[in-house]
Amino acid sequence: MSYDLIAIDIDGTLLTSRRVISPGTLQALLRAVAAGKHVALCTGRSLTSGRSAAERVPPSTTLIFHSGALILESLDGPLLRAVNMPHGLATGLVDFIKRRGHDPLVYEPVPESRYIWFEHPRSANGWRERYLEANADKAVQVDGLDQVLRRDPAQIAVAGRGSSMHDLEAELAEYGDRIGTIMSRSTLVDDYWCLEIVPAGVSKAKALAFLGERYGIRRERMISVGDNFNDLDMIEYAGLGVAMGNAPGPVQRAADLIAPTNDADGVAHVIDTRLL
């Protein structure tokens, strides 16, 4: 089987553990573009957070942010998709989460999504503290999240111990198809998980389906590469689903192929051996 498109996660996949794109990976991306292949970054990051990585890849790269809520033809190209969550629904979700003792984060609407809003924490949370510190230029504390929910947000996120987050995800099932949920395991703090609550119809797999329709590429001719639980749906969707060598066991077991780690140019290996 030959492939026409490769979708690549950013953290733990495109970036090394030092959070850079290796020279070998960058050269492989350039070879893919020169060969006429479609290259897409597919990340849970916002445009603001992911811009630095987007600026370092070939300029024709298609960009998928917020797990598919925002899709750009390229960094300087047209906006293809922007989906936000109805603010009334978001207000109810924030209340639902707070009543269960968690501290939600609310993200400014796409396409801007510059800010992350939060209230004073009700309890200690190692992941949340590290995340807000790492995003200090974007994180804004407010007295009440209702102040910022007059507009439709991009998403809501909450983090905690694995069992707690899986329990919360199960409880959110009462919202049915009005929302989507995406789980990922923290690489910052042991046994912490992040639960993202996204607008209906938003996922990495659905973003690939959108690109497939736009570019006339069947899913069988796509490659997806990721390293975390939030990449599972696109790994399972693509004709060739690839897990990085640094991915946890359940993600590797769901993949068709296990690549070398992000510190061993795993993405370049996939491009050179499967895409080209």
C-alpha atoms as a PDB file:
ATOM      1  CA  MET A   1       0.000   0.000   0.000  1.00  0.00           C
ATOM      2  CA  SER A   2       1.216   3.485  -0.839  1.00  0.00           C
ATOM      3  CA  TYR A   3       0.216   6.469   1.274  1.00  0.00           C
ATOM      4  CA  ASP A   4      -0.593  10.082   0.415  1.00  0.00           C
ATOM      5  CA  LEU A   5      -0.941  11.794   3.807  1.00  0.00           C
ATOM      6  CA  ILE A   6       0.809  11.590   7.153  1.00  0.00           C
ATOM      7  CA  ALA A   7      -0.674  13.117  10.324  1.00  0.00           C
ATOM      8  CA  ILE A   8       1.794  13.683  13.147  1.00  0.00           C
ATOM      9  CA  ASP A   9       1.176  14.511  16.794  1.00  0.00           C
ATOM     10  CA  ILE A  10       3.470  17.182  18.270  1.00  0.00           C
ATOM     11  CA  ASP A  11       4.406  16.372  21.886  1.00  0.00           C
ATOM     12  CA  GLY A  12       6.216  13.073  22.342  1.00  0.00           C
ATOM     13  CA  THR A  13       6.093  12.441  18.586  1.00  0.00           C
ATOM     14  CA  LEU A  14       7.346  15.287  16.388  1.00  0.00           C
ATOM     15  CA  LEU A  15       9.287  16.856  19.271  1.00  0.00           C
ATOM     16  CA  THR A  16      12.104  15.138  21.100  1.00  0.00           C
ATOM     17  CA  SER A  17      12.183  14.963  24.888  1.00  0.00           C
ATOM     18  CA  ARG A  18      14.086  18.267  24.701  1.00  0.00           C
ATOM     19  CA  ARG A  19      11.034  19.710  22.889  1.00  0.00           C
ATOM     20  CA  VAL A  20      12.812  20.359  19.600  1.00  0.00           C
ATOM     21  CA  ILE A  21      12.435  18.978  16.073  1.00  0.00           C
ATOM     22  CA  SER A  22      15.570  17.023  15.274  1.00  0.00           C
ATOM     23  CA  PRO A  23      17.465  17.821  12.052  1.00  0.00           C
ATOM     24  CA  GLY A  24      16.759  14.295  10.788  1.00  0.00           C
ATOM     25  CA  THR A  25      13.022  14.678  11.290  1.00  0.00           C
ATOM     26  CA  LEU A  26      12.950  18.096   9.638  1.00  0.00           C
ATOM     27  CA  GLN A  27      14.806  16.782   6.591  1.00  0.00           C
ATOM     28  CA  ALA A  28      12.377  13.872   6.319  1.00  0.00           C
ATOM     29  CA  LEU A  29       9.423  16.287   6.415  1.00  0.00           C
ATOM     30  CA  LEU A  30      11.002  18.305   3.596  1.00  0.00           C
ATOM     31  CA  ARG A  31      11.502  15.119   1.548  1.00  0.00           C
ATOM     32  CA  ALA A  32       7.843  14.198   2.046  1.00  0.00           C
ATOM     33  CA  VAL A  33       6.646  17.589   0.845  1.00  0.00           C
ATOM     34  CA  ALA A  34       9.031  17.512  -2.138  1.00  0.00           C
ATOM     35  CA  ALA A  35       7.559  14.134  -3.082  1.00  0.00           C
ATOM     36  CA  GLY A  36       4.054  15.639  -3.181  1.00  0.00           C
ATOM     37  CA  LYS A  37       2.817  14.049   0.037  1.00  0.00           C
ATOM     38  CA  HIS A  38       0.387  15.817   2.361  1.00  0.00           C
ATOM     39  CA  VAL A  39       1.859  16.503   5.811  1.00  0.00           C
ATOM     40  CA  ALA A  40      -0.373  17.489   8.733  1.00  0.00           C
ATOM     41  CA  LEU A  41       0.333  18.233  12.384  1.00  0.00           C
ATOM     42  CA  CYS A  42      -2.480  16.944  14.576  1.00  0.00           C
ATOM     43  CA  THR A  43      -2.318  18.119  18.186  1.00  0.00           C
ATOM     44  CA  GLY A  44      -4.396  18.888  21.220  1.00  0.00           C
ATOM     45  CA  ARG A  45      -2.505  22.165  21.589  1.00  0.00           C
ATOM     46  CA  SER A  46      -4.053  25.524  20.747  1.00  0.00           C
ATOM     47  CA  LEU A  47      -2.786  27.629  17.856  1.00  0.00           C
ATOM     48  CA  THR A  48      -0.988  29.883  20.331  1.00  0.00           C
ATOM     49  CA  SER A  49       0.685  26.963  22.087  1.00  0.00           C
ATOM     50  CA  GLY A  50       1.486  25.069  18.897  1.00  0.00           C
ATOM     51  CA  ARG A  51       2.666  27.991  16.805  1.00  0.00           C
ATOM     52  CA  SER A  52       6.353  27.534  17.630  1.00  0.00           C
ATOM     53  CA  ALA A  53       6.294  23.965  16.298  1.00  0.00           C
ATOM     54  CA  ALA A  54       4.211  24.998  13.273  1.00  0.00           C
ATOM     55  CA  GLU A  55       6.760  27.659  12.390  1.00  0.00           C
ATOM     56  CA  ARG A  56       9.531  25.042  12.189  1.00  0.00           C
ATOM     57  CA  VAL A  57       7.898  22.582   9.773  1.00  0.00           C
ATOM     58  CA  PRO A  58       7.510  23.031   5.988  1.00  0.00           C
ATOM     59  CA  PRO A  59       5.189  25.996   5.304  1.00  0.00           C
ATOM     60  CA  SER A  60       2.705  23.860   3.340  1.00  0.00           C
ATOM     61  CA  THR A  61       1.960  21.705   6.409  1.00  0.00           C
ATOM     62  CA  THR A  62      -1.749  21.473   7.276  1.00  0.00           C
ATOM     63  CA  LEU A  63      -2.379  22.289  10.949  1.00  0.00           C
ATOM     64  CA  ILE A  64      -4.926  20.636  13.223  1.00  0.00           C
ATOM     65  CA  PHE A  65      -5.215  22.211  16.682  1.00  0.00           C
ATOM     66  CA  HIS A  66      -7.439  21.525  19.695  1.00  0.00           C
ATOM     67  CA  SER A  67      -7.774  17.905  18.536  1.00  0.00           C
ATOM     68  CA  GLY A  68      -9.642  18.978  15.406  1.00  0.00           C
ATOM     69  CA  ALA A  69     -11.666  21.979  16.564  1.00  0.00           C
ATOM     70  CA  LEU A  70      -9.381  24.240  14.518  1.00  0.00           C
ATOM     71  CA  ILE A  71      -7.963  23.303  11.116  1.00  0.00           C
ATOM     72  CA  LEU A  72      -5.781  25.593   9.000  1.00  0.00           C
ATOM     73  CA  GLU A  73      -4.630  24.873   5.445  1.00  0.00           C
ATOM     74  CA  SER A  74      -1.231  26.128   6.626  1.00  0.00           C
ATOM     75  CA  LEU A  75       0.089  28.622   9.158  1.00  0.00           C
ATOM     76  CA  ASP A  76      -0.444  31.496   6.737  1.00  0.00           C
ATOM     77  CA  GLY A  77      -3.228  29.810   4.799  1.00  0.00           C
ATOM     78  CA  PRO A  78      -7.007  29.878   5.039  1.00  0.00           C
ATOM     79  CA  LEU A  79      -9.074  28.724   7.984  1.00  0.00           C
ATOM     80  CA  LEU A  80     -10.766  25.428   7.100  1.00  0.00           C
ATOM     81  CA  ARG A  81     -12.676  24.648  10.297  1.00  0.00           C
ATOM     82  CA  ALA A  82     -13.400  26.312  13.639  1.00  0.00           C
ATOM     83  CA  VAL A  83     -15.777  24.667  16.128  1.00  0.00           C
ATOM     84  CA  ASN A  84     -16.554  25.963  19.613  1.00  0.00           C
ATOM     85  CA  MET A  85     -18.791  24.703  22.412  1.00  0.00           C
ATOM     86  CA  PRO A  86     -22.133  26.486  23.010  1.00  0.00           C
ATOM     87  CA  HIS A  87     -21.627  28.667  26.076  1.00  0.00           C
ATOM     88  CA  GLY A  88     -24.832  27.514  27.747  1.00  0.00           C
ATOM     89  CA  LEU A  89     -23.683  23.906  27.523  1.00  0.00           C
ATOM     90  CA  ALA A  90     -20.208  24.892  28.741  1.00  0.00           C
ATOM     91  CA  THR A  91     -21.649  26.729  31.756  1.00  0.00           C
ATOM     92  CA  GLY A  92     -23.544  23.610  32.789  1.00  0.00           C
ATOM     93  CA  LEU A  93     -20.449  21.446  32.339  1.00  0.00           C
ATOM     94  CA  VAL A  94     -18.309  23.740  34.479  1.00  0.00           C
ATOM     95  CA  ASP A  95     -20.897  23.535  37.255  1.00  0.00           C
ATOM     96  CA  PHE A  96     -21.100  19.744  36.835  1.00  0.00           C
ATOM     97  CA  ILE A  97     -17.317  19.421  37.189  1.00  0.00           C
ATOM     98  CA  LYS A  98     -17.034  21.790  40.143  1.00  0.00           C
ATOM     99  CA  ARG A  99     -19.808  20.006  42.050  1.00  0.00           C
ATOM    100  CA  ARG A 100     -17.672  16.875  41.831  1.00  0.00           C
ATOM    101  CA  GLY A 101     -14.734  18.629  43.458  1.00  0.00           C
ATOM    102  CA  HIS A 102     -12.612  19.329  40.389  1.00  0.00           C
ATOM    103  CA  ASP A 103     -11.114  22.568  39.083  1.00  0.00           C
ATOM    104  CA  PRO A 104     -11.869  23.049  35.386  1.00  0.00           C
ATOM    105  CA  LEU A 105      -9.858  25.082  32.909  1.00  0.00           C
ATOM    106  CA  VAL A 106     -11.727  26.954  30.161  1.00  0.00           C
ATOM    107  CA  TYR A 107     -10.098  27.797  26.829  1.00  0.00           C
ATOM    108  CA  GLU A 108     -10.774  30.924  24.803  1.00  0.00           C
ATOM    109  CA  PRO A 109     -12.706  30.269  21.573  1.00  0.00           C
ATOM    110  CA  VAL A 110     -10.917  29.181  18.417  1.00  0.00           C
ATOM    111  CA  PRO A 111      -9.403  30.386  16.219  1.00  0.00           C
ATOM    112  CA  GLU A 112      -7.698  32.784  18.679  1.00  0.00           C
ATOM    113  CA  SER A 113      -7.637  30.563  21.800  1.00  0.00           C
ATOM    114  CA  ARG A 114      -4.935  32.692  23.379  1.00  0.00           C
ATOM    115  CA  TYR A 115      -6.045  32.372  26.991  1.00  0.00           C
ATOM    116  CA  ILE A 116      -6.767  29.663  29.523  1.00  0.00           C
ATOM    117  CA  TRP A 117      -9.094  30.798  32.283  1.00  0.00           C
ATOM    118  CA  PHE A 118      -9.207  29.280  35.764  1.00  0.00           C
ATOM    119  CA  GLU A 119     -10.498  29.961  39.251  1.00  0.00           C
ATOM    120  CA  HIS A 120      -8.608  29.777  42.539  1.00  0.00           C
ATOM    121  CA  PRO A 121      -7.987  26.040  43.101  1.00  0.00           C
ATOM    122  CA  ARG A 122     -10.093  24.160  45.597  1.00  0.00           C
ATOM    123  CA  SER A 123      -7.478  21.452  46.156  1.00  0.00           C
ATOM    124  CA  ALA A 124      -3.841  20.622  45.365  1.00  0.00           C
ATOM    125  CA  ASN A 125      -3.263  19.260  41.867  1.00  0.00           C
ATOM    126  CA  GLY A 126       0.291  18.630  40.706  1.00  0.00           C
ATOM    127  CA  TRP A 127      -0.514  18.466  37.003  1.00  0.00           C
ATOM    128  CA  ARG A 128      -2.613  21.613  37.066  1.00  0.00           C
ATOM    129  CA  GLU A 129       0.087  23.573  38.897  1.00  0.00           C
ATOM    130  CA  ARG A 130       2.780  22.483  36.416  1.00  0.00           C
ATOM    131  CA  TYR A 131       0.520  23.155  33.429  1.00  0.00           C
ATOM    132  CA  LEU A 132      -0.434  26.654  34.539  1.00  0.00           C
ATOM    133  CA  GLU A 133       3.174  27.449  35.339  1.00  0.00           C
ATOM    134  CA  ALA A 134       4.260  26.278  31.875  1.00  0.00           C
ATOM    135  CA  ASN A 135       1.519  28.431  30.333  1.00  0.00           C
ATOM    136  CA  ALA A 136       1.919  31.438  32.602  1.00  0.00           C
ATOM    137  CA  ASP A 137       1.747  33.835  29.654  1.00  0.00           C
ATOM    138  CA  LYS A 138      -1.677  32.467  28.681  1.00  0.00           C
ATOM    139  CA  ALA A 139      -3.237  31.462  32.007  1.00  0.00           C
ATOM    140  CA  VAL A 140      -5.585  34.047  33.539  1.00  0.00           C
ATOM    141  CA  GLN A 141      -7.197  33.621  36.968  1.00  0.00           C
ATOM    142  CA  VAL A 142     -10.758  34.909  37.282  1.00  0.00           C
ATOM    143  CA  ASP A 143     -13.109  35.204  40.251  1.00  0.00           C
ATOM    144  CA  GLY A 144     -15.707  33.083  38.492  1.00  0.00           C
ATOM    145  CA  LEU A 145     -15.642  31.231  35.189  1.00  0.00           C
ATOM    146  CA  ASP A 146     -19.148  32.468  34.472  1.00  0.00           C
ATOM    147  CA  GLN A 147     -17.478  35.827  33.676  1.00  0.00           C
ATOM    148  CA  VAL A 148     -15.788  34.344  30.589  1.00  0.00           C
ATOM    149  CA  LEU A 149     -18.545  31.973  29.517  1.00  0.00           C
ATOM    150  CA  ARG A 150     -20.551  34.650  27.757  1.00  0.00           C
ATOM    151  CA  ARG A 151     -18.792  33.407  24.622  1.00  0.00           C
ATOM    152  CA  ASP A 152     -18.555  29.867  23.274  1.00  0.00           C
ATOM    153  CA  PRO A 153     -15.264  28.347  24.545  1.00  0.00           C
ATOM    154  CA  ALA A 154     -13.013  26.036  22.574  1.00  0.00           C
ATOM    155  CA  GLN A 155     -13.039  23.367  25.268  1.00  0.00           C
ATOM    156  CA  ILE A 156     -12.926  22.581  28.971  1.00  0.00           C
ATOM    157  CA  ALA A 157     -10.168  20.550  30.621  1.00  0.00           C
ATOM    158  CA  VAL A 158      -9.703  18.979  34.019  1.00  0.00           C
ATOM    159  CA  ALA A 159      -6.911  16.827  35.431  1.00  0.00           C
ATOM    160  CA  GLY A 160      -6.463  14.444  38.314  1.00  0.00           C
ATOM    161  CA  ARG A 161      -5.531  10.927  39.317  1.00  0.00           C
ATOM    162  CA  GLY A 162      -6.312   8.289  36.739  1.00  0.00           C
ATOM    163  CA  SER A 163      -9.204   6.626  38.557  1.00  0.00           C
ATOM    164  CA  SER A 164     -10.828   9.992  39.299  1.00  0.00           C
ATOM    165  CA  MET A 165     -10.633  11.150  35.676  1.00  0.00           C
ATOM    166  CA  HIS A 166     -11.988   7.879  34.312  1.00  0.00           C
ATOM    167  CA  ASP A 167     -14.875   8.084  36.798  1.00  0.00           C
ATOM    168  CA  LEU A 168     -15.613  11.647  35.697  1.00  0.00           C
ATOM    169  CA  GLU A 169     -15.529  10.643  32.037  1.00  0.00           C
ATOM    170  CA  ALA A 170     -18.066   7.905  32.792  1.00  0.00           C
ATOM    171  CA  GLU A 171     -20.342  10.405  34.570  1.00  0.00           C
ATOM    172  CA  LEU A 172     -20.145  12.777  31.597  1.00  0.00           C
ATOM    173  CA  ALA A 173     -21.783  10.082  29.488  1.00  0.00           C
ATOM    174  CA  GLU A 174     -25.118  11.581  30.549  1.00  0.00           C
ATOM    175  CA  TYR A 175     -24.393  14.440  28.121  1.00  0.00           C
ATOM    176  CA  GLY A 176     -24.535  11.976  25.252  1.00  0.00           C
ATOM    177  CA  ASP A 177     -23.520  13.194  21.820  1.00  0.00           C
ATOM    178  CA  ARG A 178     -23.635  16.868  22.850  1.00  0.00           C
ATOM    179  CA  ILE A 179     -19.941  16.667  23.777  1.00  0.00           C
ATOM    180  CA  GLY A 180     -16.831  14.610  23.137  1.00  0.00           C
ATOM    181  CA  THR A 181     -14.242  13.519  25.693  1.00  0.00           C
ATOM    182  CA  ILE A 182     -10.533  12.944  25.124  1.00  0.00           C
ATOM    183  CA  MET A 183      -8.194  11.381  27.683  1.00  0.00           C
ATOM    184  CA  SER A 184      -4.408  11.620  27.811  1.00  0.00           C
ATOM    185  CA  ARG A 185      -1.874  10.567  30.405  1.00  0.00           C
ATOM    186  CA  SER A 186       0.351  13.291  31.799  1.00  0.00           C
ATOM    187  CA  THR A 187       4.029  13.250  30.929  1.00  0.00           C
ATOM    188  CA  LEU A 188       4.604  15.919  33.599  1.00  0.00           C
ATOM    189  CA  VAL A 189       3.305  14.257  36.772  1.00  0.00           C
ATOM    190  CA  ASP A 190       3.022  10.520  37.505  1.00  0.00           C
ATOM    191  CA  ASP A 191      -0.480   9.003  37.496  1.00  0.00           C
ATOM    192  CA  TYR A 192      -2.146  12.229  36.431  1.00  0.00           C
ATOM    193  CA  TRP A 193      -4.532  12.232  33.513  1.00  0.00           C
ATOM    194  CA  CYS A 194      -6.027  15.094  31.552  1.00  0.00           C
ATOM    195  CA  LEU A 195      -9.660  14.920  30.464  1.00  0.00           C
ATOM    196  CA  GLU A 196     -10.605  17.314  27.679  1.00  0.00           C
ATOM    197  CA  ILE A 197     -14.274  18.025  27.045  1.00  0.00           C
ATOM    198  CA  VAL A 198     -14.674  19.154  23.465  1.00  0.00           C
ATOM    199  CA  PRO A 199     -17.529  20.195  21.171  1.00  0.00           C
ATOM    200  CA  ALA A 200     -19.583  17.468  19.535  1.00  0.00           C
ATOM    201  CA  GLY A 201     -17.943  16.092  16.424  1.00  0.00           C
ATOM    202  CA  VAL A 202     -14.405  17.070  17.423  1.00  0.00           C
ATOM    203  CA  SER A 203     -11.647  14.454  17.446  1.00  0.00           C
ATOM    204  CA  LYS A 204      -8.374  13.783  15.708  1.00  0.00           C
ATOM    205  CA  ALA A 205      -9.953  10.992  13.667  1.00  0.00           C
ATOM    206  CA  LYS A 206     -12.776  13.267  12.508  1.00  0.00           C
ATOM    207  CA  ALA A 207     -10.167  15.872  11.539  1.00  0.00           C
ATOM    208  CA  LEU A 208      -8.478  13.286   9.321  1.00  0.00           C
ATOM    209  CA  ALA A 209     -11.834  12.405   7.784  1.00  0.00           C
ATOM    210  CA  PHE A 210     -12.356  16.112   7.057  1.00  0.00           C
ATOM    211  CA  LEU A 211      -8.970  16.328   5.333  1.00  0.00           C
ATOM    212  CA  GLY A 212      -9.698  13.150   3.420  1.00  0.00           C
ATOM    213  CA  GLU A 213     -12.817  14.706   1.948  1.00  0.00           C
ATOM    214  CA  ARG A 214     -11.011  17.942   1.149  1.00  0.00           C
ATOM    215  CA  TYR A 215      -8.005  16.339  -0.522  1.00  0.00           C
ATOM    216  CA  GLY A 216      -9.718  13.267  -1.967  1.00  0.00           C
ATOM    217  CA  ILE A 217      -7.649  10.835   0.113  1.00  0.00           C
ATOM    218  CA  ARG A 218      -9.158   7.609   1.459  1.00  0.00           C
ATOM    219  CA  ARG A 219      -8.360   6.685   5.059  1.00  0.00           C
ATOM    220  CA  GLU A 220      -6.545   3.584   3.798  1.00  0.00           C
ATOM    221  CA  ARG A 221      -3.965   5.895   2.219  1.00  0.00           C
ATOM    222  CA  MET A 222      -3.290   7.824   5.428  1.00  0.00           C
ATOM    223  CA  ILE A 223      -0.630   7.342   8.087  1.00  0.00           C
ATOM    224  CA  SER A 224      -1.090   8.674  11.602  1.00  0.00           C
ATOM    225  CA  VAL A 225       1.677   8.822  14.209  1.00  0.00           C
ATOM    226  CA  GLY A 226       1.199   9.455  17.929  1.00  0.00           C
ATOM    227  CA  ASP A 227       2.363   8.602  21.417  1.00  0.00           C
ATOM    228  CA  ASN A 228      -0.490   9.087  23.894  1.00  0.00           C
ATOM    229  CA  PHE A 229      -4.038   7.982  24.601  1.00  0.00           C
ATOM    230  CA  ASN A 230      -5.460  11.069  22.892  1.00  0.00           C
ATOM    231  CA  ASP A 231      -3.916   9.764  19.653  1.00  0.00           C
ATOM    232  CA  LEU A 232      -5.705   6.415  19.784  1.00  0.00           C
ATOM    233  CA  ASP A 233      -8.653   7.380  17.609  1.00  0.00           C
ATOM    234  CA  MET A 234      -6.477   8.651  14.750  1.00  0.00           C
ATOM    235  CA  ILE A 235      -4.120   5.660  15.092  1.00  0.00           C
ATOM    236  CA  GLU A 236      -7.136   3.390  14.678  1.00  0.00           C
ATOM    237  CA  TYR A 237      -8.643   5.506  11.872  1.00  0.00           C
ATOM    238  CA  ALA A 238      -5.706   5.709   9.478  1.00  0.00           C
ATOM    239  CA  GLY A 239      -4.755   2.949   7.087  1.00  0.00           C
ATOM    240  CA  LEU A 240      -1.442   2.724   8.889  1.00  0.00           C
ATOM    241  CA  GLY A 241      -1.605   3.665  12.555  1.00  0.00           C
ATOM    242  CA  VAL A 242       1.800   4.166  14.141  1.00  0.00           C
ATOM    243  CA  ALA A 243       2.691   4.384  17.832  1.00  0.00           C
ATOM    244  CA  MET A 244       6.003   5.846  18.899  1.00  0.00           C
ATOM    245  CA  GLY A 245       8.470   3.659  20.766  1.00  0.00           C
ATOM    246  CA  ASN A 246       7.955   5.918  23.794  1.00  0.00           C
ATOM    247  CA  ALA A 247       4.168   5.425  23.772  1.00  0.00           C
ATOM    248  CA  PRO A 248       2.560   3.481  26.651  1.00  0.00           C
ATOM    249  CA  GLY A 249       1.760  -0.189  26.115  1.00  0.00           C
ATOM    250  CA  PRO A 250      -1.979   0.149  25.368  1.00  0.00           C
ATOM    251  CA  VAL A 251      -1.268   2.720  22.633  1.00  0.00           C
ATOM    252  CA  GLN A 252       1.405   0.508  21.087  1.00  0.00           C
ATOM    253  CA  ARG A 253      -0.918  -2.490  21.124  1.00  0.00           C
ATOM    254  CA  ALA A 254      -3.574  -0.533  19.216  1.00  0.00           C
ATOM    255  CA  ALA A 255      -1.128   0.416  16.448  1.00  0.00           C
ATOM    256  CA  ASP A 256      -0.223  -1.364  13.218  1.00  0.00           C
ATOM    257  CA  LEU A 257       3.414  -0.380  13.598  1.00  0.00           C
ATOM    258  CA  ILE A 258       5.719   0.733  16.403  1.00  0.00           C
ATOM    259  CA  ALA A 259       8.265   3.351  15.363  1.00  0.00           C
ATOM    260  CA  PRO A 260      11.508   4.249  17.106  1.00  0.00           C
ATOM    261  CA  THR A 261      11.165   6.760  19.935  1.00  0.00           C
ATOM    262  CA  ASN A 262      10.889  10.513  19.531  1.00  0.00           C
ATOM    263  CA  ASP A 263      14.536  10.773  20.564  1.00  0.00           C
ATOM    264  CA  ALA A 264      15.533   8.313  17.826  1.00  0.00           C
ATOM    265  CA  ASP A 265      13.884  10.109  14.866  1.00  0.00           C
ATOM    266  CA  GLY A 266      10.830   7.866  14.884  1.00  0.00           C
ATOM    267  CA  VAL A 267       8.842  10.189  12.621  1.00  0.00           C
ATOM    268  CA  ALA A 268      11.680  10.324  10.085  1.00  0.00           C
ATOM    269  CA  HIS A 269      11.828   6.518  10.102  1.00  0.00           C
ATOM    270  CA  VAL A 270       8.117   6.265   9.268  1.00  0.00           C
ATOM    271  CA  ILE A 271       8.399   8.844   6.484  1.00  0.00           C
ATOM    272  CA  ASP A 272      11.399   7.168   4.880  1.00  0.00           C
ATOM    273  CA  THR A 273      10.231   3.567   5.191  1.00  0.00           C
ATOM    274  CA  ARG A 274       6.451   3.876   4.713  1.00  0.00           C
ATOM    275  CA  LEU A 275       5.460   7.211   3.174  1.00  0.00           C
ATOM    276  CA  LEU A 276       8.198   7.638   0.536  1.00  0.00           C
END
